[in-house]
Protein backbone atom coordinates (compact mmCIF):
# COMPACT_ATOMS: atom_id res chain seq x y z
CA MET A 1 0.03 -0.38 -0.03
CA VAL A 2 0.84 3.22 -0.91
CA LYS A 3 -0.30 6.29 0.14
CA VAL A 4 0.39 9.56 -0.81
CA GLU A 5 -0.20 13.15 0.58
CA THR A 6 0.26 16.96 -0.81
CA VAL A 7 0.04 20.40 -0.34
CA VAL A 8 0.18 22.29 -3.09
CA CYS A 9 -0.61 26.82 -3.58
CA ASP A 10 1.15 27.92 -7.26
CA ILE A 11 -0.15 24.92 -9.07
CA PRO A 12 -3.19 23.92 -10.93
CA VAL A 13 -5.75 21.87 -8.84
CA ASP A 14 -6.84 19.98 -11.56
CA LEU A 15 -2.74 19.62 -13.26
CA VAL A 16 -1.70 18.07 -10.11
CA MET A 17 -5.11 15.07 -9.79
CA ASN A 18 -4.53 14.56 -13.55
CA THR A 19 -0.95 14.22 -13.76
CA ALA A 20 -1.81 11.62 -10.26
CA ARG A 21 -4.04 10.15 -11.51
CA ASP A 22 -1.62 8.64 -14.69
CA THR A 23 0.73 8.42 -12.09
CA LEU A 24 -0.70 5.47 -10.36
CA GLN A 25 -3.64 4.40 -12.01
CA THR A 26 -2.92 0.59 -12.67
CA GLY A 27 -6.72 0.46 -13.73
CA GLU A 28 -7.47 -2.15 -10.72
CA VAL A 29 -9.61 -2.25 -7.82
CA GLY A 30 -7.83 -0.63 -5.00
CA ASP A 31 -6.23 2.34 -7.27
CA GLY A 32 -7.50 5.19 -4.73
CA LYS A 33 -9.27 8.07 -4.77
CA ILE A 34 -8.28 11.71 -4.70
CA PHE A 35 -9.52 13.37 -1.60
CA VAL A 36 -9.51 17.99 -2.34
CA TYR A 37 -9.25 20.11 0.65
CA ASP A 38 -8.80 23.75 1.58
CA VAL A 39 -5.91 24.24 4.19
CA GLU A 40 -5.82 27.43 6.04
CA ASP A 41 -2.71 27.31 7.33
CA SER A 42 0.67 25.79 7.67
CA MET A 43 3.95 26.37 9.70
CA ARG A 44 7.21 24.87 9.59
CA ILE A 45 8.57 24.68 12.19
CA ARG A 46 11.99 25.02 12.66
CA THR A 47 11.31 29.58 12.24
CA GLY A 48 7.40 29.87 12.16
CA THR A 49 7.62 30.30 9.17
CA ARG A 50 3.56 30.85 7.59
CA GLY A 51 1.62 30.38 4.93
CA THR A 52 2.31 29.96 1.57
CA LYS A 53 5.92 30.25 2.43
CA ALA A 54 6.04 27.39 4.64
CA VAL A 55 5.11 25.03 2.48
CA THR A 56 7.49 25.98 -0.55
CA ASP A 57 11.36 25.35 -1.20
CA ASP A 58 12.37 29.43 -0.63
CA GLU A 59 13.14 28.45 2.25
CA VAL A 60 15.88 26.37 3.41
């Protein structure tokens, strides 16, 4: 079993969903589902950076 989770800030959701389907789909029962929901906020624990900047690689 594989579980894939991602948070997307600046990429269209449809593009991410279609790419995930194209990559992960085997055509067999159990391929899974994609759930889309809003993330209200985020925080990078090391720096305390919040919001979009907390989930991008801009800050090393």
